[in-house]
Amino acid sequence: QVQLVESGGGLVQAGGSLRLSCTASGRTLSTYAVAWFRQAPGKEREFVARIKWNAGTTNYADSVKGRFTISRDNAKNTVYLQMNSLKPEDTAVYYCAAQLPTLQYPYWGQGTQVTVSS
């Protein structure tokens, strides 16, 4: 089993920046990738960014390309999401999730709130 804990959320003005952290523990050796998702009230959960754990390959949703950067620190078992040029539309609860070699996401963090004011 893998445990994931997000941190770093908060309230920021439009145009500002935040860095989210996702720290993993437990049986993490089989993790294929870690991804960030977000969910705003009344909306579906949507994909934000993903990083493959070994290769470090990344991909992003079109809505955040050029503004967000996902990265990892292997020694700390931590994945980061650097969010720049934030917009009110980025307001959501942000979740990290671990992807297994089956490509499923069975493990999720508790979420961290990001609020961007205009």
N, C-alpha and C. Protein backbone atom coordinates (compact mmCIF):
# COMPACT_ATOMS: atom_id res chain seq x y z
N GLN A 1 0.83 -1.18 0.00
CA GLN A 1 0.00 0.00 0.00
C GLN A 1 0.88 1.25 0.00
N VAL A 2 0.40 2.30 -0.65
CA VAL A 2 1.11 3.56 -0.75
C VAL A 2 0.27 4.65 -0.09
N GLN A 3 0.92 5.46 0.72
CA GLN A 3 0.28 6.62 1.32
C GLN A 3 0.83 7.88 0.68
N LEU A 4 -0.05 8.82 0.37
CA LEU A 4 0.33 10.07 -0.27
C LEU A 4 -0.22 11.23 0.55
N VAL A 5 0.61 12.24 0.76
CA VAL A 5 0.20 13.41 1.52
C VAL A 5 0.58 14.66 0.74
N GLU A 6 -0.43 15.48 0.42
CA GLU A 6 -0.20 16.74 -0.27
C GLU A 6 -0.04 17.88 0.73
N SER A 7 0.69 18.90 0.33
CA SER A 7 0.81 20.10 1.12
C SER A 7 1.16 21.26 0.19
N GLY A 8 1.06 22.47 0.70
CA GLY A 8 1.47 23.65 -0.05
C GLY A 8 0.36 24.49 -0.61
N GLY A 9 -0.88 24.05 -0.46
CA GLY A 9 -1.99 24.83 -0.95
C GLY A 9 -2.19 26.09 -0.13
N GLY A 10 -3.04 26.96 -0.65
CA GLY A 10 -3.32 28.21 0.05
C GLY A 10 -4.06 29.16 -0.83
N LEU A 11 -4.14 30.40 -0.38
CA LEU A 11 -4.82 31.47 -1.10
C LEU A 11 -3.79 32.38 -1.73
N VAL A 12 -3.95 32.68 -3.01
CA VAL A 12 -3.01 33.51 -3.73
C VAL A 12 -3.77 34.37 -4.72
N GLN A 13 -3.25 35.55 -5.01
CA GLN A 13 -3.86 36.43 -6.00
C GLN A 13 -3.53 35.97 -7.41
N ALA A 14 -4.40 36.31 -8.34
CA ALA A 14 -4.14 36.00 -9.74
C ALA A 14 -2.78 36.53 -10.16
N GLY A 15 -2.05 35.70 -10.91
CA GLY A 15 -0.71 36.04 -11.32
C GLY A 15 0.37 35.55 -10.38
N GLY A 16 -0.02 35.09 -9.21
CA GLY A 16 0.92 34.61 -8.22
C GLY A 16 1.33 33.17 -8.45
N SER A 17 2.09 32.64 -7.49
CA SER A 17 2.65 31.30 -7.61
C SER A 17 2.47 30.51 -6.32
N LEU A 18 2.40 29.21 -6.47
CA LEU A 18 2.40 28.27 -5.35
C LEU A 18 3.18 27.04 -5.77
N ARG A 19 3.75 26.36 -4.79
CA ARG A 19 4.37 25.07 -5.04
C ARG A 19 3.74 24.02 -4.15
N LEU A 20 3.14 23.02 -4.76
CA LEU A 20 2.53 21.92 -4.05
C LEU A 20 3.53 20.78 -3.92
N SER A 21 3.43 20.05 -2.82
CA SER A 21 4.26 18.88 -2.58
C SER A 21 3.40 17.66 -2.35
N CYS A 22 3.89 16.52 -2.81
CA CYS A 22 3.24 15.24 -2.59
C CYS A 22 4.30 14.27 -2.13
N THR A 23 4.22 13.84 -0.89
CA THR A 23 5.20 12.92 -0.33
C THR A 23 4.59 11.53 -0.19
N ALA A 24 5.30 10.54 -0.69
CA ALA A 24 4.81 9.16 -0.68
C ALA A 24 5.55 8.33 0.36
N SER A 25 4.84 7.38 0.92
CA SER A 25 5.42 6.43 1.85
C SER A 25 4.76 5.08 1.66
N GLY A 26 5.28 4.07 2.33
CA GLY A 26 4.76 2.72 2.18
C GLY A 26 5.49 1.98 1.08
N ARG A 27 4.78 1.07 0.42
CA ARG A 27 5.37 0.23 -0.61
C ARG A 27 5.32 0.95 -1.95
N THR A 28 6.32 1.79 -2.19
CA THR A 28 6.33 2.68 -3.34
C THR A 28 7.20 2.20 -4.50
N LEU A 29 7.90 1.08 -4.36
CA LEU A 29 8.88 0.68 -5.36
C LEU A 29 8.27 0.34 -6.71
N SER A 30 7.03 -0.06 -6.75
CA SER A 30 6.39 -0.43 -8.01
C SER A 30 5.68 0.73 -8.68
N THR A 31 5.80 1.93 -8.13
CA THR A 31 5.13 3.09 -8.71
C THR A 31 5.68 3.42 -10.09
N TYR A 32 4.79 3.55 -11.05
CA TYR A 32 5.16 3.86 -12.42
C TYR A 32 5.24 5.36 -12.65
N ALA A 33 4.30 6.09 -12.07
CA ALA A 33 4.26 7.53 -12.25
C ALA A 33 3.46 8.15 -11.11
N VAL A 34 3.61 9.45 -10.96
CA VAL A 34 2.80 10.22 -10.03
C VAL A 34 2.17 11.36 -10.79
N ALA A 35 0.91 11.60 -10.55
CA ALA A 35 0.19 12.63 -11.27
C ALA A 35 -0.54 13.56 -10.32
N TRP A 36 -0.81 14.75 -10.80
CA TRP A 36 -1.66 15.70 -10.11
C TRP A 36 -2.99 15.82 -10.85
N PHE A 37 -4.06 15.82 -10.08
CA PHE A 37 -5.40 16.07 -10.56
C PHE A 37 -5.98 17.21 -9.75
N ARG A 38 -7.06 17.79 -10.24
CA ARG A 38 -7.74 18.83 -9.48
C ARG A 38 -9.24 18.73 -9.68
N GLN A 39 -9.98 19.22 -8.71
CA GLN A 39 -11.42 19.20 -8.78
C GLN A 39 -11.98 20.46 -8.15
N ALA A 40 -12.71 21.22 -8.94
CA ALA A 40 -13.40 22.41 -8.46
C ALA A 40 -14.82 22.03 -8.06
N PRO A 41 -15.45 22.79 -7.16
CA PRO A 41 -16.82 22.48 -6.75
C PRO A 41 -17.76 22.41 -7.94
N GLY A 42 -18.54 21.35 -8.00
CA GLY A 42 -19.50 21.17 -9.07
C GLY A 42 -18.91 20.73 -10.40
N LYS A 43 -17.62 20.49 -10.45
CA LYS A 43 -16.97 20.07 -11.69
C LYS A 43 -16.37 18.69 -11.55
N GLU A 44 -16.11 18.07 -12.68
CA GLU A 44 -15.44 16.78 -12.70
C GLU A 44 -13.97 16.93 -12.34
N ARG A 45 -13.42 15.88 -11.78
CA ARG A 45 -11.99 15.86 -11.53
C ARG A 45 -11.26 15.83 -12.87
N GLU A 46 -10.20 16.62 -13.00
CA GLU A 46 -9.47 16.68 -14.24
C GLU A 46 -7.97 16.47 -14.03
N PHE A 47 -7.35 15.91 -15.03
CA PHE A 47 -5.92 15.68 -15.04
C PHE A 47 -5.17 17.00 -15.18
N VAL A 48 -4.06 17.13 -14.45
CA VAL A 48 -3.25 18.33 -14.50
C VAL A 48 -1.86 18.05 -15.06
N ALA A 49 -1.14 17.10 -14.45
CA ALA A 49 0.24 16.83 -14.86
C ALA A 49 0.65 15.46 -14.36
N ARG A 50 1.64 14.86 -15.03
CA ARG A 50 2.14 13.56 -14.63
C ARG A 50 3.64 13.50 -14.85
N ILE A 51 4.33 12.77 -13.97
CA ILE A 51 5.74 12.52 -14.14
C ILE A 51 6.00 11.04 -13.94
N LYS A 52 6.71 10.42 -14.87
CA LYS A 52 7.13 9.04 -14.71
C LYS A 52 8.27 8.98 -13.72
N TRP A 53 8.17 8.05 -12.78
CA TRP A 53 9.09 8.08 -11.66
C TRP A 53 10.53 7.81 -12.05
N ASN A 54 10.77 6.83 -12.89
CA ASN A 54 12.13 6.47 -13.26
C ASN A 54 12.71 7.39 -14.32
N ALA A 55 12.03 7.58 -15.41
CA ALA A 55 12.56 8.35 -16.52
C ALA A 55 12.42 9.86 -16.32
N GLY A 56 11.47 10.28 -15.52
CA GLY A 56 11.23 11.70 -15.32
C GLY A 56 10.46 12.36 -16.44
N THR A 57 9.93 11.58 -17.35
CA THR A 57 9.14 12.13 -18.46
C THR A 57 7.87 12.77 -17.93
N THR A 58 7.52 13.92 -18.48
CA THR A 58 6.36 14.66 -18.00
C THR A 58 5.34 14.88 -19.10
N ASN A 59 4.10 15.08 -18.69
CA ASN A 59 3.07 15.55 -19.59
C ASN A 59 2.08 16.41 -18.80
N TYR A 60 1.40 17.30 -19.53
CA TYR A 60 0.56 18.31 -18.91
C TYR A 60 -0.75 18.46 -19.64
N ALA A 61 -1.76 18.86 -18.89
CA ALA A 61 -2.99 19.30 -19.53
C ALA A 61 -2.73 20.59 -20.29
N ASP A 62 -3.44 20.77 -21.40
CA ASP A 62 -3.26 21.97 -22.20
C ASP A 62 -3.51 23.24 -21.39
N SER A 63 -4.43 23.18 -20.44
CA SER A 63 -4.80 24.36 -19.68
C SER A 63 -3.69 24.88 -18.77
N VAL A 64 -2.69 24.04 -18.48
CA VAL A 64 -1.62 24.46 -17.57
C VAL A 64 -0.26 24.49 -18.23
N LYS A 65 -0.16 24.06 -19.48
CA LYS A 65 1.12 24.05 -20.17
C LYS A 65 1.74 25.44 -20.21
N GLY A 66 3.02 25.51 -19.89
CA GLY A 66 3.72 26.78 -19.88
C GLY A 66 3.62 27.52 -18.57
N ARG A 67 2.72 27.10 -17.69
CA ARG A 67 2.55 27.74 -16.39
C ARG A 67 2.93 26.84 -15.22
N PHE A 68 2.63 25.55 -15.35
CA PHE A 68 2.90 24.60 -14.27
C PHE A 68 4.08 23.71 -14.64
N THR A 69 4.84 23.30 -13.64
CA THR A 69 5.95 22.38 -13.84
C THR A 69 5.90 21.29 -12.78
N ILE A 70 5.90 20.05 -13.21
CA ILE A 70 5.95 18.92 -12.29
C ILE A 70 7.38 18.42 -12.21
N SER A 71 7.82 18.07 -11.02
CA SER A 71 9.18 17.58 -10.83
C SER A 71 9.19 16.57 -9.68
N ARG A 72 10.33 15.92 -9.50
CA ARG A 72 10.44 14.93 -8.44
C ARG A 72 11.77 15.03 -7.72
N ASP A 73 11.79 14.57 -6.48
CA ASP A 73 12.99 14.44 -5.68
C ASP A 73 13.01 13.00 -5.19
N ASN A 74 13.80 12.17 -5.84
CA ASN A 74 13.80 10.74 -5.54
C ASN A 74 14.19 10.46 -4.09
N ALA A 75 15.18 11.18 -3.59
CA ALA A 75 15.66 10.95 -2.23
C ALA A 75 14.58 11.22 -1.19
N LYS A 76 13.70 12.16 -1.48
CA LYS A 76 12.65 12.52 -0.55
C LYS A 76 11.32 11.85 -0.86
N ASN A 77 11.27 11.04 -1.92
CA ASN A 77 10.02 10.42 -2.35
C ASN A 77 8.91 11.46 -2.51
N THR A 78 9.26 12.56 -3.11
CA THR A 78 8.36 13.70 -3.20
C THR A 78 8.23 14.18 -4.63
N VAL A 79 7.01 14.52 -5.00
CA VAL A 79 6.71 15.14 -6.29
C VAL A 79 6.18 16.53 -6.03
N TYR A 80 6.61 17.47 -6.85
CA TYR A 80 6.21 18.86 -6.70
C TYR A 80 5.41 19.31 -7.91
N LEU A 81 4.57 20.29 -7.67
CA LEU A 81 3.88 20.98 -8.75
C LEU A 81 4.09 22.47 -8.54
N GLN A 82 4.97 23.05 -9.34
CA GLN A 82 5.20 24.48 -9.31
C GLN A 82 4.17 25.15 -10.20
N MET A 83 3.37 26.03 -9.63
CA MET A 83 2.28 26.68 -10.33
C MET A 83 2.56 28.17 -10.40
N ASN A 84 2.76 28.67 -11.60
CA ASN A 84 3.02 30.08 -11.84
C ASN A 84 1.88 30.68 -12.64
N SER A 85 1.84 32.01 -12.65
CA SER A 85 0.82 32.74 -13.40
C SER A 85 -0.57 32.19 -13.12
N LEU A 86 -0.88 32.02 -11.87
CA LEU A 86 -2.15 31.40 -11.49
C LEU A 86 -3.34 32.26 -11.89
N LYS A 87 -4.40 31.57 -12.26
CA LYS A 87 -5.64 32.19 -12.68
C LYS A 87 -6.77 31.76 -11.75
N PRO A 88 -7.83 32.54 -11.64
CA PRO A 88 -8.97 32.10 -10.83
C PRO A 88 -9.52 30.74 -11.25
N GLU A 89 -9.42 30.41 -12.52
CA GLU A 89 -9.87 29.12 -13.01
C GLU A 89 -9.06 27.95 -12.47
N ASP A 90 -7.90 28.22 -11.88
CA ASP A 90 -7.09 27.18 -11.26
C ASP A 90 -7.58 26.81 -9.87
N THR A 91 -8.53 27.55 -9.34
CA THR A 91 -9.06 27.26 -8.00
C THR A 91 -9.67 25.88 -7.97
N ALA A 92 -9.20 25.05 -7.04
CA ALA A 92 -9.67 23.67 -6.94
C ALA A 92 -8.98 23.01 -5.77
N VAL A 93 -9.45 21.82 -5.42
CA VAL A 93 -8.70 20.93 -4.56
C VAL A 93 -7.77 20.12 -5.45
N TYR A 94 -6.50 20.13 -5.11
CA TYR A 94 -5.49 19.43 -5.89
C TYR A 94 -5.12 18.13 -5.19
N TYR A 95 -5.12 17.05 -5.95
CA TYR A 95 -4.80 15.72 -5.44
C TYR A 95 -3.60 15.15 -6.18
N CYS A 96 -2.75 14.44 -5.47
CA CYS A 96 -1.75 13.63 -6.16
C CYS A 96 -2.17 12.17 -6.10
N ALA A 97 -1.75 11.41 -7.09
CA ALA A 97 -2.11 10.01 -7.21
C ALA A 97 -0.94 9.22 -7.77
N ALA A 98 -0.78 8.01 -7.28
CA ALA A 98 0.28 7.13 -7.75
C ALA A 98 -0.27 6.19 -8.81
N GLN A 99 0.43 6.10 -9.93
CA GLN A 99 0.06 5.23 -11.02
C GLN A 99 0.92 3.98 -10.99
N LEU A 100 0.28 2.82 -11.08
CA LEU A 100 0.98 1.55 -11.10
C LEU A 100 1.30 1.13 -12.53
N PRO A 101 2.13 0.09 -12.71
CA PRO A 101 2.41 -0.39 -14.08
C PRO A 101 1.17 -0.81 -14.86
N THR A 102 0.09 -1.10 -14.18
CA THR A 102 -1.18 -1.37 -14.85
C THR A 102 -1.81 -0.12 -15.43
N LEU A 103 -1.24 1.04 -15.11
CA LEU A 103 -1.68 2.37 -15.52
C LEU A 103 -2.91 2.85 -14.76
N GLN A 104 -3.34 2.14 -13.76
CA GLN A 104 -4.41 2.59 -12.89
C GLN A 104 -3.85 3.47 -11.78
N TYR A 105 -4.73 4.23 -11.15
CA TYR A 105 -4.38 5.11 -10.04
C TYR A 105 -5.10 4.65 -8.77
N PRO A 106 -4.58 3.66 -8.07
CA PRO A 106 -5.27 3.15 -6.88
C PRO A 106 -5.04 3.95 -5.61
N TYR A 107 -4.02 4.80 -5.59
CA TYR A 107 -3.65 5.50 -4.36
C TYR A 107 -3.72 7.00 -4.58
N TRP A 108 -4.43 7.66 -3.65
CA TRP A 108 -4.67 9.10 -3.74
C TRP A 108 -4.38 9.77 -2.41
N GLY A 109 -3.93 11.01 -2.47
CA GLY A 109 -3.77 11.80 -1.28
C GLY A 109 -5.08 12.42 -0.84
N GLN A 110 -5.04 13.16 0.25
CA GLN A 110 -6.24 13.75 0.83
C GLN A 110 -6.66 15.04 0.15
N GLY A 111 -5.78 15.63 -0.62
CA GLY A 111 -6.07 16.87 -1.32
C GLY A 111 -5.61 18.09 -0.56
N THR A 112 -5.28 19.13 -1.31
CA THR A 112 -4.93 20.42 -0.72
C THR A 112 -5.62 21.52 -1.52
N GLN A 113 -6.20 22.47 -0.81
CA GLN A 113 -7.00 23.51 -1.44
C GLN A 113 -6.11 24.61 -2.01
N VAL A 114 -6.37 24.96 -3.26
CA VAL A 114 -5.74 26.10 -3.91
C VAL A 114 -6.84 27.08 -4.29
N THR A 115 -6.74 28.30 -3.81
CA THR A 115 -7.71 29.33 -4.13
C THR A 115 -6.99 30.51 -4.74
N VAL A 116 -7.41 30.91 -5.93
CA VAL A 116 -6.81 32.03 -6.65
C VAL A 116 -7.86 33.12 -6.74
N SER A 117 -7.58 34.26 -6.15
CA SER A 117 -8.51 35.37 -6.15
C SER A 117 -8.22 36.32 -7.29
N SER A 118 -9.25 37.01 -7.76
CA SER A 118 -9.10 37.97 -8.84
C SER A 118 -8.98 39.39 -8.33
